[in-house]
Amino acid sequence: MTGIQEIITIGFLIVCIFFIPRLFRGSKSTSGYHKNIKSISKMSGKFRLGIVISVILPFISAFVLKPWEGNLIVFMFFGIMPVAVGWAGVWVGAGFKK
């Protein structure tokens, strides 16, 4: 029975990969491409630092805590949760500014 579920899951993923972008695609102009480049280059230094820390902190925590050796809960608490709480704070703070 698991073989049928796996085939259906793979089929669903293929359909999502090919058809969902077509549903949400806008016009074919390249102005969106240039708009994305401009918005990326206008990111503040604090925002860029937050992204870098969000990537590096879980890697350092994984190296130190070794979650594959049974420290998964501690890794989640010290490696993943600070990143999630930090970005949640940024999101809430941006909402209060607007």
C-alpha atoms as a PDB file:
ATOM      1  CA  MET A   1       0.000   0.000   0.000  1.00  0.00           C
ATOM      2  CA  THR A   2       2.886   2.388   0.622  1.00  0.00           C
ATOM      3  CA  GLY A   3       3.925   2.096  -3.026  1.00  0.00           C
ATOM      4  CA  ILE A   4       0.665   3.684  -4.163  1.00  0.00           C
ATOM      5  CA  GLN A   5       1.011   6.517  -1.648  1.00  0.00           C
ATOM      6  CA  GLU A   6       4.545   7.235  -2.811  1.00  0.00           C
ATOM      7  CA  ILE A   7       3.488   7.322  -6.469  1.00  0.00           C
ATOM      8  CA  ILE A   8       0.590   9.661  -5.681  1.00  0.00           C
ATOM      9  CA  THR A   9       2.861  11.912  -3.615  1.00  0.00           C
ATOM     10  CA  ILE A  10       5.453  12.129  -6.396  1.00  0.00           C
ATOM     11  CA  GLY A  11       2.720  12.834  -8.943  1.00  0.00           C
ATOM     12  CA  PHE A  12       1.300  15.565  -6.714  1.00  0.00           C
ATOM     13  CA  LEU A  13       4.725  17.175  -6.361  1.00  0.00           C
ATOM     14  CA  ILE A  14       5.278  17.118 -10.122  1.00  0.00           C
ATOM     15  CA  VAL A  15       1.897  18.700 -10.745  1.00  0.00           C
ATOM     16  CA  CYS A  16       2.627  21.388  -8.153  1.00  0.00           C
ATOM     17  CA  ILE A  17       6.058  22.134  -9.614  1.00  0.00           C
ATOM     18  CA  PHE A  18       4.731  22.567 -13.151  1.00  0.00           C
ATOM     19  CA  PHE A  19       1.279  24.089 -12.701  1.00  0.00           C
ATOM     20  CA  ILE A  20       1.341  26.315  -9.616  1.00  0.00           C
ATOM     21  CA  PRO A  21       3.940  28.749 -11.059  1.00  0.00           C
ATOM     22  CA  ARG A  22       1.770  29.073 -14.179  1.00  0.00           C
ATOM     23  CA  LEU A  23      -1.247  29.972 -12.079  1.00  0.00           C
ATOM     24  CA  PHE A  24       0.534  32.773 -10.259  1.00  0.00           C
ATOM     25  CA  ARG A  25       2.622  34.049 -13.163  1.00  0.00           C
ATOM     26  CA  GLY A  26       2.093  37.687 -14.031  1.00  0.00           C
ATOM     27  CA  SER A  27       2.964  39.415 -17.257  1.00  0.00           C
ATOM     28  CA  LYS A  28       6.027  38.293 -19.163  1.00  0.00           C
ATOM     29  CA  SER A  29       7.769  41.660 -18.957  1.00  0.00           C
ATOM     30  CA  THR A  30      11.242  41.798 -17.455  1.00  0.00           C
ATOM     31  CA  SER A  31      10.430  44.760 -15.242  1.00  0.00           C
ATOM     32  CA  GLY A  32       9.778  42.375 -12.342  1.00  0.00           C
ATOM     33  CA  TYR A  33      13.310  41.026 -12.673  1.00  0.00           C
ATOM     34  CA  HIS A  34      14.845  44.486 -12.446  1.00  0.00           C
ATOM     35  CA  LYS A  35      12.512  45.393  -9.598  1.00  0.00           C
ATOM     36  CA  ASN A  36      13.720  42.373  -7.590  1.00  0.00           C
ATOM     37  CA  ILE A  37      17.371  43.277  -8.165  1.00  0.00           C
ATOM     38  CA  LYS A  38      16.751  46.842  -7.001  1.00  0.00           C
ATOM     39  CA  SER A  39      14.881  45.708  -3.900  1.00  0.00           C
ATOM     40  CA  ILE A  40      17.689  43.286  -2.989  1.00  0.00           C
ATOM     41  CA  SER A  41      20.339  45.960  -3.402  1.00  0.00           C
ATOM     42  CA  LYS A  42      18.334  48.351  -1.179  1.00  0.00           C
ATOM     43  CA  MET A  43      18.325  45.982   1.812  1.00  0.00           C
ATOM     44  CA  SER A  44      19.758  47.559   4.934  1.00  0.00           C
ATOM     45  CA  GLY A  45      22.906  46.353   6.590  1.00  0.00           C
ATOM     46  CA  LYS A  46      20.968  45.187   9.643  1.00  0.00           C
ATOM     47  CA  PHE A  47      18.691  43.069   7.466  1.00  0.00           C
ATOM     48  CA  ARG A  48      21.659  41.504   5.659  1.00  0.00           C
ATOM     49  CA  LEU A  49      23.367  40.822   8.993  1.00  0.00           C
ATOM     50  CA  GLY A  50      20.174  39.153  10.238  1.00  0.00           C
ATOM     51  CA  ILE A  51      20.109  36.854   7.221  1.00  0.00           C
ATOM     52  CA  VAL A  52      23.751  35.867   7.673  1.00  0.00           C
ATOM     53  CA  ILE A  53      23.274  35.203  11.391  1.00  0.00           C
ATOM     54  CA  SER A  54      20.132  33.176  10.619  1.00  0.00           C
ATOM     55  CA  VAL A  55      22.183  30.881   8.423  1.00  0.00           C
ATOM     56  CA  ILE A  56      25.331  30.673  10.536  1.00  0.00           C
ATOM     57  CA  LEU A  57      23.768  30.200  14.000  1.00  0.00           C
ATOM     58  CA  PRO A  58      22.111  26.818  13.277  1.00  0.00           C
ATOM     59  CA  PHE A  59      25.307  25.530  11.666  1.00  0.00           C
ATOM     60  CA  ILE A  60      27.441  26.545  14.643  1.00  0.00           C
ATOM     61  CA  SER A  61      24.859  25.110  17.047  1.00  0.00           C
ATOM     62  CA  ALA A  62      24.795  21.846  15.110  1.00  0.00           C
ATOM     63  CA  PHE A  63      28.587  21.658  15.166  1.00  0.00           C
ATOM     64  CA  VAL A  64      28.746  22.245  18.918  1.00  0.00           C
ATOM     65  CA  LEU A  65      25.666  20.324  20.096  1.00  0.00           C
ATOM     66  CA  LYS A  66      25.718  17.436  17.575  1.00  0.00           C
ATOM     67  CA  PRO A  67      21.929  16.843  17.356  1.00  0.00           C
ATOM     68  CA  TRP A  68      22.475  13.554  15.522  1.00  0.00           C
ATOM     69  CA  GLU A  69      23.897  12.158  18.762  1.00  0.00           C
ATOM     70  CA  GLY A  70      20.665  12.656  20.710  1.00  0.00           C
ATOM     71  CA  ASN A  71      20.771  16.363  21.527  1.00  0.00           C
ATOM     72  CA  LEU A  72      17.943  17.266  19.167  1.00  0.00           C
ATOM     73  CA  ILE A  73      15.793  19.086  21.741  1.00  0.00           C
ATOM     74  CA  VAL A  74      18.738  21.160  22.965  1.00  0.00           C
ATOM     75  CA  PHE A  75      19.663  21.953  19.354  1.00  0.00           C
ATOM     76  CA  MET A  76      16.107  23.051  18.589  1.00  0.00           C
ATOM     77  CA  PHE A  77      16.119  25.275  21.688  1.00  0.00           C
ATOM     78  CA  PHE A  78      19.536  26.908  21.122  1.00  0.00           C
ATOM     79  CA  GLY A  79      19.927  26.627  17.348  1.00  0.00           C
ATOM     80  CA  ILE A  80      16.533  27.039  15.716  1.00  0.00           C
ATOM     81  CA  MET A  81      14.387  28.881  18.266  1.00  0.00           C
ATOM     82  CA  PRO A  82      16.566  32.034  18.477  1.00  0.00           C
ATOM     83  CA  VAL A  83      16.363  32.426  14.707  1.00  0.00           C
ATOM     84  CA  ALA A  84      12.594  31.895  14.669  1.00  0.00           C
ATOM     85  CA  VAL A  85      11.994  34.244  17.598  1.00  0.00           C
ATOM     86  CA  GLY A  86      14.303  36.874  16.099  1.00  0.00           C
ATOM     87  CA  TRP A  87      12.556  36.926  12.723  1.00  0.00           C
ATOM     88  CA  ALA A  88       9.153  36.857  14.427  1.00  0.00           C
ATOM     89  CA  GLY A  89      10.230  39.960  16.344  1.00  0.00           C
ATOM     90  CA  VAL A  90      11.331  41.666  13.129  1.00  0.00           C
ATOM     91  CA  TRP A  91       8.010  40.799  11.512  1.00  0.00           C
ATOM     92  CA  VAL A  92       5.973  42.097  14.460  1.00  0.00           C
ATOM     93  CA  GLY A  93       8.120  45.227  14.682  1.00  0.00           C
ATOM     94  CA  ALA A  94       7.590  45.940  10.983  1.00  0.00           C
ATOM     95  CA  GLY A  95       3.858  45.564  11.530  1.00  0.00           C
ATOM     96  CA  PHE A  96       3.888  48.137  14.333  1.00  0.00           C
ATOM     97  CA  LYS A  97       5.866  50.583  12.172  1.00  0.00           C
ATOM     98  CA  LYS A  98       3.189  50.450   9.489  1.00  0.00           C
END
